[in-house]
Amino acid sequence: MPATQLEITDLSWSRSTYPATHHAQPSGHEQSQRYLTAFFWTLLWAVALLALYQGSDSIALIDPNEGRNASIAREMAASGDYIVPHLNGLPYLDKPVFFSPPPPLPSKCWELLSSRRGYLLWCSP
């Protein structure tokens, strides 16, 4: 049965433009092999992430200075005194003021933004 010109044009156009659409479907074995490979890599990534992050929340501040600096910054934010650092309510004058932890400006900014985040999310243009 002779093909019409439209069928020939359509067939040649689709094969030349989209050659990947005319490949045979993979067999059941090949498809299951692909699924197993994808599952293996997903499982490997999950195990790697679990090993990387397991117990990371239980690690305290490792260096003793980090805890002290965090406490000084917290007390500076609570008292509002950014000139004289305090530790456990007492002035901590171990270092000059500019060598103590930076004033807790980032925590104040975060506090300000988090208290207004609903407004920022819903009312911003």
PDB file of N, CA and C in Angstrom:
ATOM      1  N   MET A   1       0.849  -1.167   0.000  1.00  0.00           N
ATOM      2  CA  MET A   1       0.000   0.000   0.000  1.00  0.00           C
ATOM      3  C   MET A   1       0.896   1.231   0.000  1.00  0.00           C
ATOM      4  N   PRO A   2       0.778   2.080  -0.956  1.00  0.00           N
ATOM      5  CA  PRO A   2       1.669   3.228  -1.042  1.00  0.00           C
ATOM      6  C   PRO A   2       1.340   4.257   0.041  1.00  0.00           C
ATOM      7  N   ALA A   3       2.387   4.827   0.577  1.00  0.00           N
ATOM      8  CA  ALA A   3       2.216   5.845   1.612  1.00  0.00           C
ATOM      9  C   ALA A   3       1.979   7.200   0.963  1.00  0.00           C
ATOM     10  N   THR A   4       1.196   8.005   1.611  1.00  0.00           N
ATOM     11  CA  THR A   4       0.949   9.339   1.079  1.00  0.00           C
ATOM     12  C   THR A   4       2.164  10.223   1.341  1.00  0.00           C
ATOM     13  N   GLN A   5       2.198  11.334   0.647  1.00  0.00           N
ATOM     14  CA  GLN A   5       3.319  12.272   0.803  1.00  0.00           C
ATOM     15  C   GLN A   5       3.366  12.808   2.232  1.00  0.00           C
ATOM     16  N   LEU A   6       2.220  13.023   2.830  1.00  0.00           N
ATOM     17  CA  LEU A   6       2.162  13.528   4.195  1.00  0.00           C
ATOM     18  C   LEU A   6       2.759  12.529   5.176  1.00  0.00           C
ATOM     19  N   GLU A   7       2.445  11.243   5.015  1.00  0.00           N
ATOM     20  CA  GLU A   7       2.999  10.224   5.907  1.00  0.00           C
ATOM     21  C   GLU A   7       4.506  10.104   5.746  1.00  0.00           C
ATOM     22  N   ILE A   8       5.016  10.178   4.529  1.00  0.00           N
ATOM     23  CA  ILE A   8       6.459  10.088   4.293  1.00  0.00           C
ATOM     24  C   ILE A   8       7.166  11.297   4.893  1.00  0.00           C
ATOM     25  N   THR A   9       6.614  12.492   4.680  1.00  0.00           N
ATOM     26  CA  THR A   9       7.212  13.710   5.223  1.00  0.00           C
ATOM     27  C   THR A   9       7.203  13.676   6.744  1.00  0.00           C
ATOM     28  N   ASP A  10       6.087  13.257   7.306  1.00  0.00           N
ATOM     29  CA  ASP A  10       5.972  13.192   8.757  1.00  0.00           C
ATOM     30  C   ASP A  10       6.960  12.191   9.337  1.00  0.00           C
ATOM     31  N   LEU A  11       7.107  11.044   8.712  1.00  0.00           N
ATOM     32  CA  LEU A  11       8.015  10.013   9.194  1.00  0.00           C
ATOM     33  C   LEU A  11       9.467  10.464   9.095  1.00  0.00           C
ATOM     34  N   SER A  12       9.854  11.053   7.957  1.00  0.00           N
ATOM     35  CA  SER A  12      11.244  11.484   7.802  1.00  0.00           C
ATOM     36  C   SER A  12      11.559  12.668   8.707  1.00  0.00           C
ATOM     37  N   TRP A  13      10.604  13.550   8.890  1.00  0.00           N
ATOM     38  CA  TRP A  13      10.830  14.704   9.744  1.00  0.00           C
ATOM     39  C   TRP A  13      11.029  14.277  11.188  1.00  0.00           C
ATOM     40  N   SER A  14      10.205  13.369  11.672  1.00  0.00           N
ATOM     41  CA  SER A  14      10.304  12.976  13.071  1.00  0.00           C
ATOM     42  C   SER A  14      11.558  12.154  13.337  1.00  0.00           C
ATOM     43  N   ARG A  15      11.977  11.323  12.396  1.00  0.00           N
ATOM     44  CA  ARG A  15      13.186  10.525  12.607  1.00  0.00           C
ATOM     45  C   ARG A  15      14.442  11.376  12.523  1.00  0.00           C
ATOM     46  N   SER A  16      14.443  12.369  11.672  1.00  0.00           N
ATOM     47  CA  SER A  16      15.637  13.204  11.554  1.00  0.00           C
ATOM     48  C   SER A  16      15.702  14.246  12.664  1.00  0.00           C
ATOM     49  N   THR A  17      14.562  14.725  13.109  1.00  0.00           N
ATOM     50  CA  THR A  17      14.558  15.754  14.147  1.00  0.00           C
ATOM     51  C   THR A  17      14.644  15.157  15.536  1.00  0.00           C
ATOM     52  N   TYR A  18      13.942  14.083  15.755  1.00  0.00           N
ATOM     53  CA  TYR A  18      13.901  13.457  17.069  1.00  0.00           C
ATOM     54  C   TYR A  18      14.338  12.001  16.962  1.00  0.00           C
ATOM     55  N   PRO A  19      15.623  11.743  16.785  1.00  0.00           N
ATOM     56  CA  PRO A  19      16.038  10.353  16.592  1.00  0.00           C
ATOM     57  C   PRO A  19      15.904   9.507  17.853  1.00  0.00           C
ATOM     58  N   ALA A  20      15.952  10.118  19.007  1.00  0.00           N
ATOM     59  CA  ALA A  20      15.904   9.330  20.240  1.00  0.00           C
ATOM     60  C   ALA A  20      14.521   8.768  20.517  1.00  0.00           C
ATOM     61  N   THR A  21      13.501   9.313  19.869  1.00  0.00           N
ATOM     62  CA  THR A  21      12.151   8.834  20.151  1.00  0.00           C
ATOM     63  C   THR A  21      11.854   7.505  19.484  1.00  0.00           C
ATOM     64  N   HIS A  22      12.697   7.074  18.543  1.00  0.00           N
ATOM     65  CA  HIS A  22      12.427   5.843  17.819  1.00  0.00           C
ATOM     66  C   HIS A  22      13.265   4.676  18.304  1.00  0.00           C
ATOM     67  N   HIS A  23      13.934   4.834  19.455  1.00  0.00           N
ATOM     68  CA  HIS A  23      14.695   3.710  19.996  1.00  0.00           C
ATOM     69  C   HIS A  23      13.738   2.697  20.607  1.00  0.00           C
ATOM     70  N   ALA A  24      14.168   1.495  20.608  1.00  0.00           N
ATOM     71  CA  ALA A  24      13.347   0.440  21.202  1.00  0.00           C
ATOM     72  C   ALA A  24      13.329   0.602  22.717  1.00  0.00           C
ATOM     73  N   GLN A  25      12.253   0.199  23.317  1.00  0.00           N
ATOM     74  CA  GLN A  25      12.144   0.252  24.768  1.00  0.00           C
ATOM     75  C   GLN A  25      13.118  -0.743  25.383  1.00  0.00           C
ATOM     76  N   PRO A  26      13.721  -0.387  26.537  1.00  0.00           N
ATOM     77  CA  PRO A  26      14.632  -1.340  27.167  1.00  0.00           C
ATOM     78  C   PRO A  26      13.865  -2.562  27.653  1.00  0.00           C
ATOM     79  N   SER A  27      14.558  -3.666  27.669  1.00  0.00           N
ATOM     80  CA  SER A  27      13.915  -4.897  28.124  1.00  0.00           C
ATOM     81  C   SER A  27      13.667  -4.812  29.628  1.00  0.00           C
ATOM     82  N   GLY A  28      12.909  -5.759  30.123  1.00  0.00           N
ATOM     83  CA  GLY A  28      12.599  -5.768  31.550  1.00  0.00           C
ATOM     84  C   GLY A  28      13.840  -5.903  32.405  1.00  0.00           C
ATOM     85  N   HIS A  29      14.803  -6.692  31.940  1.00  0.00           N
ATOM     86  CA  HIS A  29      16.043  -6.877  32.693  1.00  0.00           C
ATOM     87  C   HIS A  29      16.853  -5.580  32.741  1.00  0.00           C
ATOM     88  N   GLU A  30      16.945  -4.882  31.599  1.00  0.00           N
ATOM     89  CA  GLU A  30      17.692  -3.627  31.559  1.00  0.00           C
ATOM     90  C   GLU A  30      17.033  -2.569  32.431  1.00  0.00           C
ATOM     91  N   GLN A  31      15.717  -2.527  32.404  1.00  0.00           N
ATOM     92  CA  GLN A  31      15.004  -1.540  33.200  1.00  0.00           C
ATOM     93  C   GLN A  31      15.161  -1.836  34.685  1.00  0.00           C
ATOM     94  N   SER A  32      15.081  -3.100  35.077  1.00  0.00           N
ATOM     95  CA  SER A  32      15.267  -3.430  36.488  1.00  0.00           C
ATOM     96  C   SER A  32      16.704  -3.160  36.915  1.00  0.00           C
ATOM     97  N   GLN A  33      17.658  -3.351  36.008  1.00  0.00           N
ATOM     98  CA  GLN A  33      19.056  -3.046  36.314  1.00  0.00           C
ATOM     99  C   GLN A  33      19.236  -1.545  36.548  1.00  0.00           C
ATOM    100  N   ARG A  34      18.543  -0.720  35.756  1.00  0.00           N
ATOM    101  CA  ARG A  34      18.614   0.732  35.955  1.00  0.00           C
ATOM    102  C   ARG A  34      18.026   1.121  37.303  1.00  0.00           C
ATOM    103  N   TYR A  35      16.892   0.522  37.661  1.00  0.00           N
ATOM    104  CA  TYR A  35      16.282   0.824  38.949  1.00  0.00           C
ATOM    105  C   TYR A  35      17.190   0.410  40.100  1.00  0.00           C
ATOM    106  N   LEU A  36      17.824  -0.751  39.972  1.00  0.00           N
ATOM    107  CA  LEU A  36      18.741  -1.198  41.024  1.00  0.00           C
ATOM    108  C   LEU A  36      19.941  -0.270  41.144  1.00  0.00           C
ATOM    109  N   THR A  37      20.455   0.191  40.019  1.00  0.00           N
ATOM    110  CA  THR A  37      21.583   1.116  40.051  1.00  0.00           C
ATOM    111  C   THR A  37      21.175   2.433  40.703  1.00  0.00           C
ATOM    112  N   ALA A  38      20.016   2.959  40.331  1.00  0.00           N
ATOM    113  CA  ALA A  38      19.536   4.203  40.936  1.00  0.00           C
ATOM    114  C   ALA A  38      19.295   4.015  42.429  1.00  0.00           C
ATOM    115  N   PHE A  39      18.721   2.881  42.807  1.00  0.00           N
ATOM    116  CA  PHE A  39      18.488   2.603  44.221  1.00  0.00           C
ATOM    117  C   PHE A  39      19.803   2.497  44.982  1.00  0.00           C
ATOM    118  N   PHE A  40      20.800   1.843  44.371  1.00  0.00           N
ATOM    119  CA  PHE A  40      22.106   1.702  45.009  1.00  0.00           C
ATOM    120  C   PHE A  40      22.735   3.063  45.271  1.00  0.00           C
ATOM    121  N   TRP A  41      22.733   3.956  44.269  1.00  0.00           N
ATOM    122  CA  TRP A  41      23.345   5.266  44.449  1.00  0.00           C
ATOM    123  C   TRP A  41      22.565   6.113  45.457  1.00  0.00           C
ATOM    124  N   THR A  42      21.254   6.013  45.451  1.00  0.00           N
ATOM    125  CA  THR A  42      20.461   6.743  46.438  1.00  0.00           C
ATOM    126  C   THR A  42      20.756   6.241  47.842  1.00  0.00           C
ATOM    127  N   LEU A  43      20.838   4.934  47.988  1.00  0.00           N
ATOM    128  CA  LEU A  43      21.160   4.357  49.290  1.00  0.00           C
ATOM    129  C   LEU A  43      22.567   4.747  49.734  1.00  0.00           C
ATOM    130  N   LEU A  44      23.505   4.766  48.814  1.00  0.00           N
ATOM    131  CA  LEU A  44      24.873   5.159  49.138  1.00  0.00           C
ATOM    132  C   LEU A  44      24.934   6.610  49.608  1.00  0.00           C
ATOM    133  N   TRP A  45      24.217   7.494  48.920  1.00  0.00           N
ATOM    134  CA  TRP A  45      24.176   8.895  49.343  1.00  0.00           C
ATOM    135  C   TRP A  45      23.517   9.034  50.713  1.00  0.00           C
ATOM    136  N   ALA A  46      22.451   8.300  50.958  1.00  0.00           N
ATOM    137  CA  ALA A  46      21.770   8.380  52.249  1.00  0.00           C
ATOM    138  C   ALA A  46      22.682   7.914  53.377  1.00  0.00           C
ATOM    139  N   VAL A  47      23.408   6.831  53.162  1.00  0.00           N
ATOM    140  CA  VAL A  47      24.335   6.332  54.185  1.00  0.00           C
ATOM    141  C   VAL A  47      25.464   7.336  54.404  1.00  0.00           C
ATOM    142  N   ALA A  48      25.969   7.933  53.326  1.00  0.00           N
ATOM    143  CA  ALA A  48      27.046   8.915  53.458  1.00  0.00           C
ATOM    144  C   ALA A  48      26.580  10.139  54.237  1.00  0.00           C
ATOM    145  N   LEU A  49      25.374  10.622  53.946  1.00  0.00           N
ATOM    146  CA  LEU A  49      24.857  11.775  54.681  1.00  0.00           C
ATOM    147  C   LEU A  49      24.583  11.432  56.137  1.00  0.00           C
ATOM    148  N   LEU A  50      24.088  10.243  56.375  1.00  0.00           N
ATOM    149  CA  LEU A  50      23.849   9.816  57.748  1.00  0.00           C
ATOM    150  C   LEU A  50      25.158   9.739  58.521  1.00  0.00           C
ATOM    151  N   ALA A  51      26.191   9.178  57.902  1.00  0.00           N
ATOM    152  CA  ALA A  51      27.490   9.087  58.567  1.00  0.00           C
ATOM    153  C   ALA A  51      28.093  10.465  58.793  1.00  0.00           C
ATOM    154  N   LEU A  52      27.843  11.384  57.886  1.00  0.00           N
ATOM    155  CA  LEU A  52      28.402  12.719  58.011  1.00  0.00           C
ATOM    156  C   LEU A  52      27.733  13.506  59.133  1.00  0.00           C
ATOM    157  N   TYR A  53      26.416  13.407  59.224  1.00  0.00           N
ATOM    158  CA  TYR A  53      25.680  14.232  60.172  1.00  0.00           C
ATOM    159  C   TYR A  53      25.284  13.518  61.457  1.00  0.00           C
ATOM    160  N   GLN A  54      25.607  12.254  61.593  1.00  0.00           N
ATOM    161  CA  GLN A  54      25.218  11.538  62.800  1.00  0.00           C
ATOM    162  C   GLN A  54      25.973  12.105  63.997  1.00  0.00           C
ATOM    163  N   GLY A  55      25.247  12.493  65.000  1.00  0.00           N
ATOM    164  CA  GLY A  55      25.847  12.993  66.223  1.00  0.00           C
ATOM    165  C   GLY A  55      26.385  14.399  66.130  1.00  0.00           C
ATOM    166  N   SER A  56      26.148  15.092  65.030  1.00  0.00           N
ATOM    167  CA  SER A  56      26.691  16.445  64.916  1.00  0.00           C
ATOM    168  C   SER A  56      25.996  17.406  65.869  1.00  0.00           C
ATOM    169  N   ASP A  57      24.776  17.093  66.283  1.00  0.00           N
ATOM    170  CA  ASP A  57      24.102  17.961  67.234  1.00  0.00           C
ATOM    171  C   ASP A  57      24.571  17.725  68.660  1.00  0.00           C
ATOM    172  N   SER A  58      25.255  16.633  68.914  1.00  0.00           N
ATOM    173  CA  SER A  58      25.708  16.355  70.275  1.00  0.00           C
ATOM    174  C   SER A  58      27.106  16.892  70.546  1.00  0.00           C
ATOM    175  N   ILE A  59      27.798  17.387  69.526  1.00  0.00           N
ATOM    176  CA  ILE A  59      29.135  17.932  69.730  1.00  0.00           C
ATOM    177  C   ILE A  59      28.997  19.332  70.305  1.00  0.00           C
ATOM    178  N   ALA A  60      29.542  19.531  71.464  1.00  0.00           N
ATOM    179  CA  ALA A  60      29.507  20.848  72.080  1.00  0.00           C
ATOM    180  C   ALA A  60      30.547  21.736  71.403  1.00  0.00           C
ATOM    181  N   LEU A  61      30.597  22.960  71.834  1.00  0.00           N
ATOM    182  CA  LEU A  61      31.650  23.827  71.333  1.00  0.00           C
ATOM    183  C   LEU A  61      32.974  23.238  71.779  1.00  0.00           C
ATOM    184  N   ILE A  62      33.822  22.911  70.838  1.00  0.00           N
ATOM    185  CA  ILE A  62      35.006  22.108  71.127  1.00  0.00           C
ATOM    186  C   ILE A  62      36.069  22.910  71.860  1.00  0.00           C
ATOM    187  N   ASP A  63      36.372  24.075  71.362  1.00  0.00           N
ATOM    188  CA  ASP A  63      37.399  24.895  71.986  1.00  0.00           C
ATOM    189  C   ASP A  63      36.796  25.610  73.195  1.00  0.00           C
ATOM    190  N   PRO A  64      37.471  25.625  74.350  1.00  0.00           N
ATOM    191  CA  PRO A  64      36.897  26.307  75.519  1.00  0.00           C
ATOM    192  C   PRO A  64      36.671  27.794  75.272  1.00  0.00           C
ATOM    193  N   ASN A  65      37.461  28.393  74.416  1.00  0.00           N
ATOM    194  CA  ASN A  65      37.279  29.817  74.135  1.00  0.00           C
ATOM    195  C   ASN A  65      35.973  30.085  73.393  1.00  0.00           C
ATOM    196  N   GLU A  66      35.517  29.139  72.601  1.00  0.00           N
ATOM    197  CA  GLU A  66      34.289  29.345  71.836  1.00  0.00           C
ATOM    198  C   GLU A  66      33.082  29.486  72.762  1.00  0.00           C
ATOM    199  N   GLY A  67      33.013  28.640  73.758  1.00  0.00           N
ATOM    200  CA  GLY A  67      31.905  28.737  74.711  1.00  0.00           C
ATOM    201  C   GLY A  67      31.944  30.031  75.497  1.00  0.00           C
ATOM    202  N   ARG A  68      33.131  30.421  75.903  1.00  0.00           N
ATOM    203  CA  ARG A  68      33.277  31.667  76.654  1.00  0.00           C
ATOM    204  C   ARG A  68      32.897  32.853  75.769  1.00  0.00           C
ATOM    205  N   ASN A  69      33.366  32.869  74.537  1.00  0.00           N
ATOM    206  CA  ASN A  69      33.041  33.978  73.636  1.00  0.00           C
ATOM    207  C   ASN A  69      31.542  34.030  73.336  1.00  0.00           C
ATOM    208  N   ALA A  70      30.926  32.876  73.185  1.00  0.00           N
ATOM    209  CA  ALA A  70      29.478  32.848  72.947  1.00  0.00           C
ATOM    210  C   ALA A  70      28.717  33.364  74.158  1.00  0.00           C
ATOM    211  N   SER A  71      29.178  33.014  75.345  1.00  0.00           N
ATOM    212  CA  SER A  71      28.522  33.489  76.560  1.00  0.00           C
ATOM    213  C   SER A  71      28.693  34.998  76.715  1.00  0.00           C
ATOM    214  N   ILE A  72      29.873  35.504  76.387  1.00  0.00           N
ATOM    215  CA  ILE A  72      30.102  36.951  76.463  1.00  0.00           C
ATOM    216  C   ILE A  72      29.192  37.675  75.475  1.00  0.00           C
ATOM    217  N   ALA A  73      29.099  37.174  74.264  1.00  0.00           N
ATOM    218  CA  ALA A  73      28.232  37.806  73.264  1.00  0.00           C
ATOM    219  C   ALA A  73      26.771  37.739  73.682  1.00  0.00           C
ATOM    220  N   ARG A  74      26.354  36.619  74.283  1.00  0.00           N
ATOM    221  CA  ARG A  74      24.964  36.497  74.742  1.00  0.00           C
ATOM    222  C   ARG A  74      24.672  37.507  75.839  1.00  0.00           C
ATOM    223  N   GLU A  75      25.616  37.666  76.785  1.00  0.00           N
ATOM    224  CA  GLU A  75      25.399  38.630  77.868  1.00  0.00           C
ATOM    225  C   GLU A  75      25.451  40.060  77.361  1.00  0.00           C
ATOM    226  N   MET A  76      26.266  40.326  76.346  1.00  0.00           N
ATOM    227  CA  MET A  76      26.282  41.668  75.763  1.00  0.00           C
ATOM    228  C   MET A  76      24.930  41.978  75.130  1.00  0.00           C
ATOM    229  N   ALA A  77      24.344  41.000  74.474  1.00  0.00           N
ATOM    230  CA  ALA A  77      23.038  41.210  73.846  1.00  0.00           C
ATOM    231  C   ALA A  77      21.946  41.371  74.892  1.00  0.00           C
ATOM    232  N   ALA A  78      22.032  40.604  75.976  1.00  0.00           N
ATOM    233  CA  ALA A  78      20.991  40.671  77.005  1.00  0.00           C
ATOM    234  C   ALA A  78      21.049  41.983  77.777  1.00  0.00           C
ATOM    235  N   SER A  79      22.255  42.450  78.085  1.00  0.00           N
ATOM    236  CA  SER A  79      22.376  43.664  78.892  1.00  0.00           C
ATOM    237  C   SER A  79      22.335  44.930  78.051  1.00  0.00           C
ATOM    238  N   GLY A  80      22.698  44.848  76.789  1.00  0.00           N
ATOM    239  CA  GLY A  80      22.748  46.034  75.944  1.00  0.00           C
ATOM    240  C   GLY A  80      24.034  46.821  76.115  1.00  0.00           C
ATOM    241  N   ASP A  81      24.950  46.347  76.938  1.00  0.00           N
ATOM    242  CA  ASP A  81      26.239  47.008  77.155  1.00  0.00           C
ATOM    243  C   ASP A  81      27.247  46.422  76.178  1.00  0.00           C
ATOM    244  N   TYR A  82      27.555  47.196  75.137  1.00  0.00           N
ATOM    245  CA  TYR A  82      28.460  46.708  74.104  1.00  0.00           C
ATOM    246  C   TYR A  82      29.882  47.222  74.292  1.00  0.00           C
ATOM    247  N   ILE A  83      30.135  47.952  75.355  1.00  0.00           N
ATOM    248  CA  ILE A  83      31.470  48.508  75.600  1.00  0.00           C
ATOM    249  C   ILE A  83      32.283  47.596  76.505  1.00  0.00           C
ATOM    250  N   VAL A  84      31.700  47.188  77.624  1.00  0.00           N
ATOM    251  CA  VAL A  84      32.408  46.330  78.583  1.00  0.00           C
ATOM    252  C   VAL A  84      31.821  44.927  78.495  1.00  0.00           C
ATOM    253  N   PRO A  85      32.621  43.956  78.076  1.00  0.00           N
ATOM    254  CA  PRO A  85      32.098  42.589  78.026  1.00  0.00           C
ATOM    255  C   PRO A  85      31.923  42.017  79.425  1.00  0.00           C
ATOM    256  N   HIS A  86      30.867  41.225  79.598  1.00  0.00           N
ATOM    257  CA  HIS A  86      30.583  40.590  80.886  1.00  0.00           C
ATOM    258  C   HIS A  86      30.559  39.079  80.709  1.00  0.00           C
ATOM    259  N   LEU A  87      31.028  38.389  81.741  1.00  0.00           N
ATOM    260  CA  LEU A  87      30.974  36.935  81.780  1.00  0.00           C
ATOM    261  C   LEU A  87      30.433  36.538  83.138  1.00  0.00           C
ATOM    262  N   ASN A  88      29.325  35.827  83.163  1.00  0.00           N
ATOM    263  CA  ASN A  88      28.638  35.433  84.394  1.00  0.00           C
ATOM    264  C   ASN A  88      28.274  36.641  85.247  1.00  0.00           C
ATOM    265  N   GLY A  89      27.889  37.717  84.606  1.00  0.00           N
ATOM    266  CA  GLY A  89      27.457  38.912  85.311  1.00  0.00           C
ATOM    267  C   GLY A  89      28.578  39.818  85.772  1.00  0.00           C
ATOM    268  N   LEU A  90      29.818  39.419  85.622  1.00  0.00           N
ATOM    269  CA  LEU A  90      30.960  40.226  86.053  1.00  0.00           C
ATOM    270  C   LEU A  90      31.710  40.744  84.838  1.00  0.00           C
ATOM    271  N   PRO A  91      32.306  41.936  84.958  1.00  0.00           N
ATOM    272  CA  PRO A  91      33.078  42.448  83.822  1.00  0.00           C
ATOM    273  C   PRO A  91      34.229  41.498  83.485  1.00  0.00           C
ATOM    274  N   TYR A  92      34.389  41.222  82.240  1.00  0.00           N
ATOM    275  CA  TYR A  92      35.442  40.319  81.773  1.00  0.00           C
ATOM    276  C   TYR A  92      36.447  41.166  81.003  1.00  0.00           C
ATOM    277  N   LEU A  93      37.497  41.585  81.696  1.00  0.00           N
ATOM    278  CA  LEU A  93      38.470  42.502  81.126  1.00  0.00           C
ATOM    279  C   LEU A  93      39.775  41.792  80.821  1.00  0.00           C
ATOM    280  N   ASP A  94      39.704  40.580  80.377  1.00  0.00           N
ATOM    281  CA  ASP A  94      40.893  39.809  80.039  1.00  0.00           C
ATOM    282  C   ASP A  94      41.586  40.382  78.808  1.00  0.00           C
ATOM    283  N   LYS A  95      40.819  40.923  77.896  1.00  0.00           N
ATOM    284  CA  LYS A  95      41.348  41.471  76.659  1.00  0.00           C
ATOM    285  C   LYS A  95      40.824  42.889  76.490  1.00  0.00           C
ATOM    286  N   PRO A  96      41.457  43.652  75.621  1.00  0.00           N
ATOM    287  CA  PRO A  96      40.856  44.948  75.290  1.00  0.00           C
ATOM    288  C   PRO A  96      39.482  44.751  74.643  1.00  0.00           C
ATOM    289  N   VAL A  97      38.697  45.789  74.673  1.00  0.00           N
ATOM    290  CA  VAL A  97      37.312  45.679  74.220  1.00  0.00           C
ATOM    291  C   VAL A  97      37.234  45.234  72.762  1.00  0.00           C
ATOM    292  N   PHE A  98      38.114  45.726  71.913  1.00  0.00           N
ATOM    293  CA  PHE A  98      38.022  45.395  70.496  1.00  0.00           C
ATOM    294  C   PHE A  98      38.484  43.979  70.188  1.00  0.00           C
ATOM    295  N   PHE A  99      39.150  43.313  71.148  1.00  0.00           N
ATOM    296  CA  PHE A  99      39.554  41.928  70.938  1.00  0.00           C
ATOM    297  C   PHE A  99      38.543  40.942  71.503  1.00  0.00           C
ATOM    298  N   SER A 100      37.565  41.437  72.216  1.00  0.00           N
ATOM    299  CA  SER A 100      36.510  40.554  72.720  1.00  0.00           C
ATOM    300  C   SER A 100      35.603  40.192  71.549  1.00  0.00           C
ATOM    301  N   PRO A 101      34.667  39.290  71.768  1.00  0.00           N
ATOM    302  CA  PRO A 101      33.784  38.905  70.656  1.00  0.00           C
ATOM    303  C   PRO A 101      33.080  40.128  70.090  1.00  0.00           C
ATOM    304  N   PRO A 102      32.795  40.112  68.823  1.00  0.00           N
ATOM    305  CA  PRO A 102      32.116  41.271  68.236  1.00  0.00           C
ATOM    306  C   PRO A 102      30.747  41.454  68.870  1.00  0.00           C
ATOM    307  N   PRO A 103      30.295  42.667  68.918  1.00  0.00           N
ATOM    308  CA  PRO A 103      28.958  42.887  69.489  1.00  0.00           C
ATOM    309  C   PRO A 103      27.932  42.033  68.766  1.00  0.00           C
ATOM    310  N   PRO A 104      26.962  41.589  69.469  1.00  0.00           N
ATOM    311  CA  PRO A 104      25.997  40.634  68.889  1.00  0.00           C
ATOM    312  C   PRO A 104      25.021  41.292  67.931  1.00  0.00           C
ATOM    313  N   LEU A 105      25.544  42.050  67.013  1.00  0.00           N
ATOM    314  CA  LEU A 105      24.696  42.681  66.010  1.00  0.00           C
ATOM    315  C   LEU A 105      23.974  41.662  65.136  1.00  0.00           C
ATOM    316  N   PRO A 106      24.652  40.596  64.684  1.00  0.00           N
ATOM    317  CA  PRO A 106      23.903  39.613  63.878  1.00  0.00           C
ATOM    318  C   PRO A 106      22.736  38.979  64.631  1.00  0.00           C
ATOM    319  N   SER A 107      22.911  38.723  65.929  1.00  0.00           N
ATOM    320  CA  SER A 107      21.799  38.123  66.669  1.00  0.00           C
ATOM    321  C   SER A 107      20.665  39.120  66.852  1.00  0.00           C
ATOM    322  N   LYS A 108      20.990  40.390  67.024  1.00  0.00           N
ATOM    323  CA  LYS A 108      19.937  41.404  67.124  1.00  0.00           C
ATOM    324  C   LYS A 108      19.199  41.545  65.791  1.00  0.00           C
ATOM    325  N   CYS A 109      19.956  41.500  64.694  1.00  0.00           N
ATOM    326  CA  CYS A 109      19.311  41.575  63.375  1.00  0.00           C
ATOM    327  C   CYS A 109      18.404  40.371  63.155  1.00  0.00           C
ATOM    328  N   TRP A 110      18.863  39.194  63.550  1.00  0.00           N
ATOM    329  CA  TRP A 110      18.052  37.993  63.389  1.00  0.00           C
ATOM    330  C   TRP A 110      16.791  38.076  64.250  1.00  0.00           C
ATOM    331  N   GLU A 111      16.940  38.593  65.462  1.00  0.00           N
ATOM    332  CA  GLU A 111      15.783  38.743  66.344  1.00  0.00           C
ATOM    333  C   GLU A 111      14.774  39.700  65.727  1.00  0.00           C
ATOM    334  N   LEU A 112      15.261  40.782  65.163  1.00  0.00           N
ATOM    335  CA  LEU A 112      14.384  41.758  64.539  1.00  0.00           C
ATOM    336  C   LEU A 112      13.684  41.169  63.316  1.00  0.00           C
ATOM    337  N   LEU A 113      14.441  40.456  62.489  1.00  0.00           N
ATOM    338  CA  LEU A 113      13.846  39.871  61.289  1.00  0.00           C
ATOM    339  C   LEU A 113      12.881  38.737  61.615  1.00  0.00           C
ATOM    340  N   SER A 114      13.222  37.915  62.609  1.00  0.00           N
ATOM    341  CA  SER A 114      12.344  36.790  62.916  1.00  0.00           C
ATOM    342  C   SER A 114      11.046  37.256  63.560  1.00  0.00           C
ATOM    343  N   SER A 115      11.083  38.377  64.281  1.00  0.00           N
ATOM    344  CA  SER A 115       9.844  38.866  64.875  1.00  0.00           C
ATOM    345  C   SER A 115       8.921  39.474  63.824  1.00  0.00           C
ATOM    346  N   ARG A 116       9.480  39.864  62.690  1.00  0.00           N
ATOM    347  CA  ARG A 116       8.673  40.475  61.637  1.00  0.00           C
ATOM    348  C   ARG A 116       8.625  39.633  60.365  1.00  0.00           C
ATOM    349  N   ARG A 117       8.966  38.373  60.458  1.00  0.00           N
ATOM    350  CA  ARG A 117       9.041  37.573  59.239  1.00  0.00           C
ATOM    351  C   ARG A 117       7.676  37.346  58.598  1.00  0.00           C
ATOM    352  N   GLY A 118       6.626  37.278  59.390  1.00  0.00           N
ATOM    353  CA  GLY A 118       5.298  37.138  58.805  1.00  0.00           C
ATOM    354  C   GLY A 118       4.933  38.342  57.961  1.00  0.00           C
ATOM    355  N   TYR A 119       5.241  39.514  58.481  1.00  0.00           N
ATOM    356  CA  TYR A 119       4.974  40.730  57.716  1.00  0.00           C
ATOM    357  C   TYR A 119       5.825  40.776  56.459  1.00  0.00           C
ATOM    358  N   LEU A 120       7.100  40.401  56.596  1.00  0.00           N
ATOM    359  CA  LEU A 120       7.993  40.445  55.437  1.00  0.00           C
ATOM    360  C   LEU A 120       7.572  39.446  54.366  1.00  0.00           C
ATOM    361  N   LEU A 121       7.059  38.290  54.781  1.00  0.00           N
ATOM    362  CA  LEU A 121       6.661  37.276  53.810  1.00  0.00           C
ATOM    363  C   LEU A 121       5.356  37.619  53.101  1.00  0.00           C
ATOM    364  N   TRP A 122       4.386  38.113  53.852  1.00  0.00           N
ATOM    365  CA  TRP A 122       3.052  38.264  53.288  1.00  0.00           C
ATOM    366  C   TRP A 122       2.752  39.669  52.788  1.00  0.00           C
ATOM    367  N   CYS A 123       3.418  40.674  53.325  1.00  0.00           N
ATOM    368  CA  CYS A 123       3.053  42.045  52.966  1.00  0.00           C
ATOM    369  C   CYS A 123       4.073  42.735  52.081  1.00  0.00           C
ATOM    370  N   SER A 124       5.128  42.059  51.712  1.00  0.00           N
ATOM    371  CA  SER A 124       6.119  42.706  50.847  1.00  0.00           C
ATOM    372  C   SER A 124       5.610  42.696  49.410  1.00  0.00           C
ATOM    373  N   PRO A 125       5.972  43.725  48.655  1.00  0.00           N
ATOM    374  CA  PRO A 125       5.469  43.795  47.266  1.00  0.00           C
ATOM    375  C   PRO A 125       6.117  42.790  46.363  1.00  0.00           C
TER     376      PRO A 125
END
